[in-house]
């Protein structure tokens, strides 16, 4: 597939998806959504891809939705607008990233606002430049957003404050709130991201995928149901080559060489 709105490359088992509309501050339109989904589908199907990085071009992650999205209400009813957003806009990317059974790292290299922040939070790990900034700017347009993943990351009270005020916070504040995992100097962001992705790409891919599926699936379950979900996954993983290699490496006192199988 040829891409117009993203860049896609694979190197050493790591796929990098770059939001690439720098003149529009990497704002997300329907075309970009389609291309990201196509890239994520490829990442899932290609067994050689064992970790995924999502980032933005030109020292920014994304300023959010393309403003043209706001024109939907001119011709569509409220239910039609809702359905269009759910099936064609950034929620499609969020759900696809969360369902991908491989580690996904958001490399936030600059502004990360609105829908851009939702996509970042849909990734499994967020590493940010010390020059990055985050904002739930929907409220400035009389809208809302990030009502699902944000409170899970920072708590309900902090999420409401961020959503209600639309204030922009820096990377250190985002780290303090639990919104992101790590802050690094801008000059070393790519290097630190590559190290993390490389470590993930060499790990037990199936176990990573099951950990993600079970953890997300357990969030709204009762204890018995959540534990069963975990033990079912454990049973499947104990039949994998990676588990056998892990046991052998442990008994032989060496570092395991996982293959993702």
Protein backbone atom coordinates (compact mmCIF):
# COMPACT_ATOMS: atom_id res chain seq x y z
CA UNK A 1 0.00 0.00 0.00
CA UNK A 2 1.24 3.50 -0.81
CA UNK A 3 0.86 5.98 2.03
CA UNK A 4 -0.03 9.64 1.68
CA UNK A 5 -0.52 10.66 5.30
CA UNK A 6 1.90 8.40 7.21
CA UNK A 7 5.37 6.95 6.84
CA UNK A 8 5.86 3.24 7.46
CA UNK A 9 9.15 1.43 7.80
CA UNK A 10 10.41 -1.82 9.27
CA UNK A 11 13.91 -2.40 10.61
CA UNK A 12 15.23 -5.22 12.77
CA UNK A 13 11.77 -6.41 13.75
CA UNK A 14 10.55 -2.92 14.66
CA UNK A 15 7.83 -1.19 12.63
CA UNK A 16 7.62 2.60 12.85
CA UNK A 17 4.40 4.41 11.97
CA UNK A 18 4.97 8.15 11.58
CA UNK A 19 2.06 10.58 11.39
CA UNK A 20 3.14 12.66 8.42
CA UNK A 21 1.12 15.80 7.79
CA UNK A 22 3.64 18.33 9.14
CA UNK A 23 2.08 21.33 7.41
CA UNK A 24 -1.18 20.48 9.19
CA UNK A 25 0.62 19.72 12.49
CA UNK A 26 0.03 16.01 11.87
CA UNK A 27 -3.69 16.47 12.38
CA UNK A 28 -5.72 13.31 11.90
CA UNK A 29 -8.10 13.01 8.96
CA UNK A 30 -10.06 10.05 7.62
CA UNK A 31 -7.30 9.17 5.17
CA UNK A 32 -4.69 9.01 7.89
CA UNK A 33 -6.96 6.76 9.96
CA UNK A 34 -7.30 4.33 7.04
CA UNK A 35 -3.54 4.26 6.51
CA UNK A 36 -2.71 3.72 10.18
CA UNK A 37 -5.18 0.84 10.35
CA UNK A 38 -3.66 -0.71 7.23
CA UNK A 39 -0.19 -0.38 8.75
CA UNK A 40 -1.32 -1.92 12.05
CA UNK A 41 -2.93 -4.81 10.15
CA UNK A 42 0.39 -5.43 8.44
CA UNK A 43 2.17 -5.32 11.80
CA UNK A 44 -0.16 -7.99 13.16
CA UNK A 45 0.12 -10.30 10.16
CA UNK A 46 3.90 -10.04 9.69
CA UNK A 47 5.57 -12.40 12.15
CA UNK A 48 8.90 -10.65 11.59
CA UNK A 49 7.47 -7.48 13.15
CA UNK A 50 7.69 -7.86 16.90
CA UNK A 51 7.36 -4.29 18.19
CA UNK A 52 5.72 -1.11 16.88
CA UNK A 53 6.60 2.56 17.39
CA UNK A 54 4.10 5.35 16.71
CA UNK A 55 5.49 8.88 16.36
CA UNK A 56 5.03 12.12 14.43
CA UNK A 57 6.99 13.98 11.78
CA UNK A 58 8.77 17.32 12.24
CA UNK A 59 9.18 17.40 16.01
CA UNK A 60 5.50 17.04 16.82
CA UNK A 61 3.22 14.10 17.55
CA UNK A 62 -0.21 15.44 16.56
CA UNK A 63 -2.33 18.52 17.21
CA UNK A 64 -5.47 16.35 17.13
CA UNK A 65 -8.34 16.05 14.69
CA UNK A 66 -8.31 17.86 11.38
CA UNK A 67 -10.52 20.92 11.84
CA UNK A 68 -12.46 19.84 8.75
CA UNK A 69 -13.91 17.05 10.88
CA UNK A 70 -15.97 19.71 12.60
CA UNK A 71 -17.85 20.28 9.35
CA UNK A 72 -19.64 16.94 9.68
CA UNK A 73 -22.41 18.56 11.71
CA UNK A 74 -23.29 20.84 8.80
CA UNK A 75 -24.79 17.99 6.79
CA UNK A 76 -25.27 15.08 9.21
CA UNK A 77 -27.58 14.50 12.17
CA UNK A 78 -26.12 14.00 15.66
CA UNK A 79 -26.43 10.18 15.46
CA UNK A 80 -24.83 10.22 12.00
CA UNK A 81 -21.96 12.36 13.24
CA UNK A 82 -21.43 9.98 16.17
CA UNK A 83 -21.43 6.93 13.90
CA UNK A 84 -19.01 8.55 11.47
CA UNK A 85 -16.56 9.41 14.24
CA UNK A 86 -16.82 5.94 15.75
CA UNK A 87 -16.30 4.08 12.48
CA UNK A 88 -13.98 6.36 10.48
CA UNK A 89 -12.07 8.64 12.86
CA UNK A 90 -9.46 8.29 15.62
CA UNK A 91 -11.47 5.80 17.78
CA UNK A 92 -10.82 3.21 15.06
CA UNK A 93 -7.08 3.69 15.53
CA UNK A 94 -7.37 3.56 19.33
CA UNK A 95 -9.21 0.25 19.29
CA UNK A 96 -6.88 -1.24 16.69
CA UNK A 97 -3.73 -0.33 18.63
CA UNK A 98 -5.17 -1.65 21.88
CA UNK A 99 -6.06 -4.94 20.21
CA UNK A 100 -2.68 -5.42 18.51
CA UNK A 101 -1.03 -8.42 20.24
CA UNK A 102 2.43 -6.84 20.08
CA UNK A 103 4.07 -4.07 22.12
CA UNK A 104 3.25 -0.57 20.86
CA UNK A 105 5.38 2.38 21.95
CA UNK A 106 4.31 5.99 21.51
CA UNK A 107 7.33 8.22 20.89
CA UNK A 108 5.97 11.69 21.67
CA UNK A 109 8.37 14.23 20.23
CA UNK A 110 6.37 17.44 20.61
CA UNK A 111 2.78 18.65 20.89
CA UNK A 112 0.28 15.90 21.63
CA UNK A 113 -3.20 17.35 21.77
CA UNK A 114 -6.78 16.10 21.54
CA UNK A 115 -7.13 13.01 19.38
CA UNK A 116 -3.34 12.81 19.16
CA UNK A 117 -3.27 12.26 22.90
CA UNK A 118 -5.93 9.57 22.62
CA UNK A 119 -3.84 7.69 20.08
CA UNK A 120 -0.76 8.01 22.29
CA UNK A 121 -2.67 6.68 25.31
CA UNK A 122 -3.92 3.76 23.22
CA UNK A 123 -0.30 2.66 22.91
CA UNK A 124 1.18 0.41 25.59
CA UNK A 125 4.11 2.60 26.60
CA UNK A 126 4.65 6.34 26.18
CA UNK A 127 8.14 7.80 26.08
CA UNK A 128 8.22 11.57 25.67
CA UNK A 129 10.71 14.29 24.89
CA UNK A 130 11.25 16.88 27.59
CA UNK A 131 9.96 19.32 24.96
CA UNK A 132 6.63 17.46 24.57
CA UNK A 133 3.34 18.93 25.74
CA UNK A 134 -0.12 17.46 26.26
CA UNK A 135 -3.56 19.03 26.19
CA UNK A 136 -7.20 17.94 26.10
CA UNK A 137 -8.25 20.83 23.89
CA UNK A 138 -11.70 19.58 22.90
CA UNK A 139 -13.32 21.86 25.46
CA UNK A 140 -12.04 24.93 23.59
CA UNK A 141 -14.36 23.91 20.74
CA UNK A 142 -17.26 23.07 23.03
CA UNK A 143 -16.57 19.34 22.75
CA UNK A 144 -15.28 16.51 24.93
CA UNK A 145 -12.84 13.66 24.42
CA UNK A 146 -10.37 11.30 26.10
CA UNK A 147 -13.00 10.20 28.60
CA UNK A 148 -11.99 6.52 28.51
CA UNK A 149 -8.21 6.11 28.60
CA UNK A 150 -7.26 9.34 30.38
CA UNK A 151 -9.09 8.62 33.68
CA UNK A 152 -7.62 5.12 33.68
CA UNK A 153 -4.17 6.70 33.52
CA UNK A 154 -4.51 9.72 35.83
CA UNK A 155 -7.69 9.11 37.84
CA UNK A 156 -11.14 10.61 37.49
CA UNK A 157 -10.51 13.91 39.29
CA UNK A 158 -7.33 14.71 37.38
CA UNK A 159 -8.94 13.67 34.11
CA UNK A 160 -11.94 15.94 34.70
CA UNK A 161 -9.66 18.84 35.50
CA UNK A 162 -7.65 18.34 32.32
CA UNK A 163 -10.77 17.90 30.19
CA UNK A 164 -12.71 20.78 31.75
CA UNK A 165 -9.85 23.29 31.67
CA UNK A 166 -8.21 22.24 28.41
CA UNK A 167 -4.92 23.29 29.96
CA UNK A 168 -1.64 22.30 28.35
CA UNK A 169 0.85 20.46 30.55
CA UNK A 170 4.50 19.65 29.97
CA UNK A 171 6.05 16.18 29.88
CA UNK A 172 7.19 16.26 33.52
CA UNK A 173 3.65 17.01 34.69
CA UNK A 174 2.28 14.27 32.44
CA UNK A 175 4.77 11.87 34.02
CA UNK A 176 3.82 12.94 37.54
CA UNK A 177 0.14 12.33 36.79
CA UNK A 178 0.81 8.88 35.35
CA UNK A 179 -0.16 9.80 31.81
CA UNK A 180 3.19 8.71 30.37
CA UNK A 181 5.95 6.29 31.32
CA UNK A 182 9.20 8.16 30.78
CA UNK A 183 10.66 11.57 29.90
CA UNK A 184 14.03 11.90 28.18
CA UNK A 185 15.99 14.82 26.70
CA UNK A 186 14.82 15.69 23.21
CA UNK A 187 18.24 14.93 21.77
CA UNK A 188 18.14 11.33 23.00
CA UNK A 189 14.45 10.53 22.38
CA UNK A 190 15.00 8.51 19.20
CA UNK A 191 17.90 6.60 20.74
CA UNK A 192 15.99 5.77 23.92
CA UNK A 193 12.92 4.73 21.92
CA UNK A 194 15.04 2.48 19.71
CA UNK A 195 16.58 0.83 22.78
CA UNK A 196 13.18 0.13 24.29
CA UNK A 197 11.68 -1.12 21.02
CA UNK A 198 14.74 -3.28 20.38
CA UNK A 199 14.42 -4.88 23.79
CA UNK A 200 10.74 -5.58 23.16
CA UNK A 201 11.46 -6.98 19.69
CA UNK A 202 13.82 -9.53 21.23
CA UNK A 203 11.32 -10.61 23.88
CA UNK A 204 8.63 -13.32 24.03
CA UNK A 205 6.14 -11.75 21.62
CA UNK A 206 3.27 -14.12 22.37
CA UNK A 207 3.61 -13.53 26.10
CA UNK A 208 3.60 -9.77 25.55
CA UNK A 209 0.43 -10.10 23.51
CA UNK A 210 -1.34 -12.25 26.08
CA UNK A 211 -0.29 -9.93 28.92
CA UNK A 212 -1.82 -7.00 27.06
CA UNK A 213 -5.02 -8.88 26.21
CA UNK A 214 -5.53 -10.24 29.72
CA UNK A 215 -4.70 -6.97 31.47
CA UNK A 216 -7.05 -4.88 29.35
CA UNK A 217 -9.72 -7.57 29.41
CA UNK A 218 -9.59 -7.86 33.20
CA UNK A 219 -10.18 -4.19 33.97
CA UNK A 220 -13.94 -4.50 34.32
CA UNK A 221 -14.13 -8.14 35.44
CA UNK A 222 -14.76 -9.71 38.82
CA UNK A 223 -11.72 -11.40 40.39
CA UNK A 224 -12.69 -15.00 39.55
CA UNK A 225 -13.32 -14.16 35.90
CA UNK A 226 -10.12 -12.14 35.61
CA UNK A 227 -8.01 -14.88 37.18
CA UNK A 228 -9.49 -17.46 34.82
CA UNK A 229 -8.62 -15.24 31.88
CA UNK A 230 -5.03 -15.12 33.10
CA UNK A 231 -4.71 -18.85 33.82
CA UNK A 232 -6.15 -19.73 30.41
CA UNK A 233 -3.44 -17.59 28.85
CA UNK A 234 -0.79 -19.19 31.06
CA UNK A 235 -1.85 -22.62 29.86
CA UNK A 236 -1.45 -21.60 26.22
CA UNK A 237 1.88 -19.89 26.83
CA UNK A 238 3.34 -22.93 28.57
CA UNK A 239 3.02 -24.76 25.25
CA UNK A 240 5.09 -22.18 23.36
CA UNK A 241 8.67 -22.42 22.17
CA UNK A 242 9.53 -19.21 23.99
CA UNK A 243 8.45 -20.69 27.32
CA UNK A 244 10.58 -23.79 26.75
CA UNK A 245 13.52 -21.58 25.83
CA UNK A 246 12.96 -19.46 28.94
CA UNK A 247 13.02 -22.51 31.21
CA UNK A 248 16.14 -23.91 29.55
CA UNK A 249 17.91 -20.56 29.75
CA UNK A 250 17.03 -20.27 33.44
CA UNK A 251 18.37 -23.74 34.27
CA UNK A 252 21.48 -23.13 32.15
CA UNK A 253 22.00 -19.70 33.69
CA UNK A 254 22.10 -17.85 30.39
CA UNK A 255 20.08 -15.16 28.68
CA UNK A 256 17.07 -16.54 26.75
CA UNK A 257 16.96 -16.20 22.95
CA UNK A 258 13.26 -15.70 22.29
CA UNK A 259 11.91 -16.11 18.78
CA UNK A 260 8.34 -14.92 19.30
CA UNK A 261 6.90 -18.39 18.76
